[in-house]
Amino acid sequence: MDNEETTPLGARLKAIREALGYKSAEVARAAGIDRMTLVRIEKGESEHPRVGTLKAITRALHLTDEGCGRLVERAPA
């Protein structure tokens, strides 16, 4: 993956999901969101997703609080 400091949130999220072997439909279902919402976030089409949506996605990916924090804190302003 590129430098995490400049990699968009959605791209990092997609890379994590794929590294864990999950399909977008699986994560969306587990997070209780529409699959296209997840796809738009990963593509960067939704630049400022809701915090609750991100929390649901990270829970669906079984990320720790620390992992979630690192994912979000490096998001470009």
N, C-alpha and C. Protein backbone atom coordinates (compact mmCIF):
# COMPACT_ATOMS: atom_id res chain seq x y z
N MET A 1 0.84 -1.17 0.00
CA MET A 1 0.00 0.00 0.00
C MET A 1 0.89 1.23 0.00
N ASP A 2 0.41 2.35 -0.53
CA ASP A 2 1.15 3.60 -0.55
C ASP A 2 1.35 4.10 0.86
N ASN A 3 2.04 5.22 0.97
CA ASN A 3 2.23 5.85 2.26
C ASN A 3 0.87 6.09 2.90
N GLU A 4 0.67 5.56 4.09
CA GLU A 4 -0.64 5.66 4.76
C GLU A 4 -1.01 7.10 5.07
N GLU A 5 -0.02 7.98 5.16
CA GLU A 5 -0.32 9.39 5.45
C GLU A 5 -1.08 10.04 4.32
N THR A 6 -0.90 9.57 3.08
CA THR A 6 -1.54 10.21 1.94
C THR A 6 -2.59 9.33 1.28
N THR A 7 -2.70 8.10 1.70
CA THR A 7 -3.69 7.20 1.12
C THR A 7 -5.06 7.55 1.67
N PRO A 8 -6.04 7.78 0.79
CA PRO A 8 -7.39 8.13 1.26
C PRO A 8 -7.99 7.04 2.15
N LEU A 9 -8.86 7.48 3.04
CA LEU A 9 -9.54 6.59 3.98
C LEU A 9 -10.18 5.40 3.26
N GLY A 10 -10.93 5.66 2.21
CA GLY A 10 -11.62 4.59 1.50
C GLY A 10 -10.68 3.54 0.93
N ALA A 11 -9.56 3.99 0.40
CA ALA A 11 -8.58 3.06 -0.16
C ALA A 11 -7.97 2.20 0.94
N ARG A 12 -7.70 2.80 2.10
CA ARG A 12 -7.15 2.03 3.22
C ARG A 12 -8.17 1.02 3.70
N LEU A 13 -9.43 1.45 3.78
CA LEU A 13 -10.50 0.57 4.22
C LEU A 13 -10.65 -0.62 3.28
N LYS A 14 -10.62 -0.36 1.98
CA LYS A 14 -10.74 -1.44 1.00
C LYS A 14 -9.56 -2.40 1.10
N ALA A 15 -8.37 -1.87 1.27
CA ALA A 15 -7.18 -2.71 1.37
C ALA A 15 -7.27 -3.63 2.59
N ILE A 16 -7.76 -3.09 3.70
CA ILE A 16 -7.92 -3.91 4.91
C ILE A 16 -8.96 -4.99 4.67
N ARG A 17 -10.10 -4.60 4.10
CA ARG A 17 -11.17 -5.57 3.83
C ARG A 17 -10.66 -6.70 2.95
N GLU A 18 -9.96 -6.34 1.87
CA GLU A 18 -9.45 -7.37 0.95
C GLU A 18 -8.38 -8.23 1.60
N ALA A 19 -7.51 -7.62 2.41
CA ALA A 19 -6.46 -8.38 3.09
C ALA A 19 -7.06 -9.40 4.06
N LEU A 20 -8.21 -9.05 4.63
CA LEU A 20 -8.88 -9.97 5.54
C LEU A 20 -9.73 -11.00 4.81
N GLY A 21 -9.85 -10.84 3.50
CA GLY A 21 -10.57 -11.82 2.68
C GLY A 21 -12.08 -11.66 2.66
N TYR A 22 -12.56 -10.47 3.01
CA TYR A 22 -14.01 -10.23 3.02
C TYR A 22 -14.48 -9.61 1.71
N LYS A 23 -15.67 -9.98 1.28
CA LYS A 23 -16.31 -9.35 0.13
C LYS A 23 -17.09 -8.15 0.64
N SER A 24 -17.27 -7.16 -0.21
CA SER A 24 -17.98 -5.95 0.21
C SER A 24 -19.39 -6.27 0.70
N ALA A 25 -20.06 -7.21 0.06
CA ALA A 25 -21.42 -7.57 0.47
C ALA A 25 -21.44 -8.15 1.87
N GLU A 26 -20.43 -8.94 2.21
CA GLU A 26 -20.35 -9.55 3.55
C GLU A 26 -20.19 -8.47 4.62
N VAL A 27 -19.28 -7.54 4.36
CA VAL A 27 -19.01 -6.48 5.34
C VAL A 27 -20.23 -5.58 5.48
N ALA A 28 -20.82 -5.21 4.36
CA ALA A 28 -22.00 -4.35 4.40
C ALA A 28 -23.13 -5.00 5.19
N ARG A 29 -23.37 -6.26 4.93
CA ARG A 29 -24.43 -6.99 5.64
C ARG A 29 -24.14 -7.01 7.14
N ALA A 30 -22.91 -7.33 7.51
CA ALA A 30 -22.54 -7.39 8.93
C ALA A 30 -22.60 -6.01 9.59
N ALA A 31 -22.36 -4.97 8.81
CA ALA A 31 -22.39 -3.60 9.34
C ALA A 31 -23.79 -3.02 9.35
N GLY A 32 -24.71 -3.67 8.65
CA GLY A 32 -26.08 -3.17 8.59
C GLY A 32 -26.24 -1.97 7.67
N ILE A 33 -25.40 -1.93 6.62
CA ILE A 33 -25.48 -0.83 5.66
C ILE A 33 -25.65 -1.40 4.26
N ASP A 34 -26.05 -0.55 3.34
CA ASP A 34 -26.18 -0.95 1.95
C ASP A 34 -24.79 -1.19 1.36
N ARG A 35 -24.65 -2.20 0.53
CA ARG A 35 -23.35 -2.50 -0.09
C ARG A 35 -22.82 -1.30 -0.88
N MET A 36 -23.70 -0.58 -1.55
CA MET A 36 -23.25 0.56 -2.36
C MET A 36 -22.71 1.69 -1.47
N THR A 37 -23.18 1.79 -0.26
CA THR A 37 -22.62 2.77 0.67
C THR A 37 -21.16 2.44 0.93
N LEU A 38 -20.88 1.18 1.19
CA LEU A 38 -19.50 0.75 1.42
C LEU A 38 -18.66 0.98 0.17
N VAL A 39 -19.18 0.63 -0.98
CA VAL A 39 -18.44 0.80 -2.24
C VAL A 39 -18.12 2.28 -2.46
N ARG A 40 -19.08 3.17 -2.22
CA ARG A 40 -18.85 4.61 -2.41
C ARG A 40 -17.78 5.12 -1.45
N ILE A 41 -17.79 4.62 -0.22
CA ILE A 41 -16.75 5.03 0.74
C ILE A 41 -15.38 4.56 0.25
N GLU A 42 -15.30 3.31 -0.16
CA GLU A 42 -14.03 2.75 -0.62
C GLU A 42 -13.51 3.46 -1.87
N LYS A 43 -14.40 3.89 -2.74
CA LYS A 43 -14.00 4.58 -3.97
C LYS A 43 -13.68 6.05 -3.74
N GLY A 44 -13.97 6.54 -2.54
CA GLY A 44 -13.71 7.94 -2.25
C GLY A 44 -14.84 8.86 -2.71
N GLU A 45 -15.95 8.28 -3.11
CA GLU A 45 -17.09 9.08 -3.55
C GLU A 45 -17.86 9.65 -2.38
N SER A 46 -17.67 9.08 -1.21
CA SER A 46 -18.26 9.58 0.03
C SER A 46 -17.09 9.99 0.90
N GLU A 47 -16.66 11.23 0.75
CA GLU A 47 -15.44 11.68 1.42
C GLU A 47 -15.57 11.84 2.92
N HIS A 48 -16.78 12.08 3.41
CA HIS A 48 -16.99 12.29 4.83
C HIS A 48 -18.11 11.39 5.34
N PRO A 49 -17.84 10.08 5.38
CA PRO A 49 -18.89 9.17 5.87
C PRO A 49 -19.21 9.44 7.34
N ARG A 50 -20.41 9.08 7.72
CA ARG A 50 -20.83 9.27 9.11
C ARG A 50 -19.99 8.40 10.04
N VAL A 51 -19.76 8.93 11.23
CA VAL A 51 -18.97 8.21 12.22
C VAL A 51 -19.61 6.87 12.55
N GLY A 52 -20.93 6.86 12.70
CA GLY A 52 -21.64 5.61 13.01
C GLY A 52 -21.46 4.57 11.92
N THR A 53 -21.43 5.03 10.67
CA THR A 53 -21.22 4.11 9.55
C THR A 53 -19.82 3.51 9.61
N LEU A 54 -18.83 4.36 9.86
CA LEU A 54 -17.45 3.87 9.96
C LEU A 54 -17.28 2.91 11.13
N LYS A 55 -17.92 3.22 12.25
CA LYS A 55 -17.83 2.32 13.40
C LYS A 55 -18.45 0.96 13.06
N ALA A 56 -19.58 0.97 12.38
CA ALA A 56 -20.23 -0.28 12.00
C ALA A 56 -19.34 -1.10 11.06
N ILE A 57 -18.70 -0.42 10.12
CA ILE A 57 -17.82 -1.12 9.17
C ILE A 57 -16.62 -1.71 9.90
N THR A 58 -16.01 -0.92 10.78
CA THR A 58 -14.83 -1.43 11.48
C THR A 58 -15.18 -2.57 12.42
N ARG A 59 -16.38 -2.52 13.02
CA ARG A 59 -16.82 -3.65 13.85
C ARG A 59 -17.01 -4.89 12.97
N ALA A 60 -17.59 -4.70 11.79
CA ALA A 60 -17.81 -5.82 10.88
C ALA A 60 -16.49 -6.44 10.44
N LEU A 61 -15.45 -5.62 10.38
CA LEU A 61 -14.11 -6.11 10.00
C LEU A 61 -13.34 -6.64 11.22
N HIS A 62 -13.94 -6.56 12.40
CA HIS A 62 -13.33 -7.02 13.65
C HIS A 62 -12.04 -6.27 13.96
N LEU A 63 -12.02 -4.96 13.65
CA LEU A 63 -10.85 -4.16 13.97
C LEU A 63 -10.92 -3.73 15.43
N THR A 64 -9.77 -3.64 16.06
CA THR A 64 -9.70 -3.16 17.43
C THR A 64 -9.92 -1.65 17.46
N ASP A 65 -10.16 -1.10 18.63
CA ASP A 65 -10.30 0.35 18.77
C ASP A 65 -9.03 1.04 18.28
N GLU A 66 -7.89 0.46 18.57
CA GLU A 66 -6.62 1.04 18.14
C GLU A 66 -6.53 1.04 16.61
N GLY A 67 -6.91 -0.07 16.00
CA GLY A 67 -6.89 -0.15 14.54
C GLY A 67 -7.85 0.83 13.90
N CYS A 68 -9.00 1.01 14.51
CA CYS A 68 -9.98 1.98 14.01
C CYS A 68 -9.43 3.38 14.09
N GLY A 69 -8.81 3.69 15.22
CA GLY A 69 -8.24 5.03 15.41
C GLY A 69 -7.18 5.34 14.38
N ARG A 70 -6.32 4.38 14.12
CA ARG A 70 -5.27 4.60 13.12
C ARG A 70 -5.85 4.78 11.73
N LEU A 71 -6.89 4.03 11.43
CA LEU A 71 -7.52 4.13 10.12
C LEU A 71 -8.10 5.52 9.91
N VAL A 72 -8.78 6.05 10.90
CA VAL A 72 -9.47 7.34 10.78
C VAL A 72 -8.52 8.52 10.97
N GLU A 73 -7.59 8.43 11.92
CA GLU A 73 -6.75 9.60 12.22
C GLU A 73 -5.85 9.98 11.07
N ARG A 74 -5.57 9.08 10.17
CA ARG A 74 -4.69 9.38 9.05
C ARG A 74 -5.46 9.86 7.83
N ALA A 75 -6.76 9.99 7.98
CA ALA A 75 -7.57 10.47 6.87
C ALA A 75 -7.19 11.92 6.56
N PRO A 76 -7.03 12.26 5.30
CA PRO A 76 -6.69 13.64 4.94
C PRO A 76 -7.79 14.59 5.39
N ALA A 77 -7.39 15.76 5.82
CA ALA A 77 -8.37 16.76 6.28
C ALA A 77 -9.10 17.40 5.14
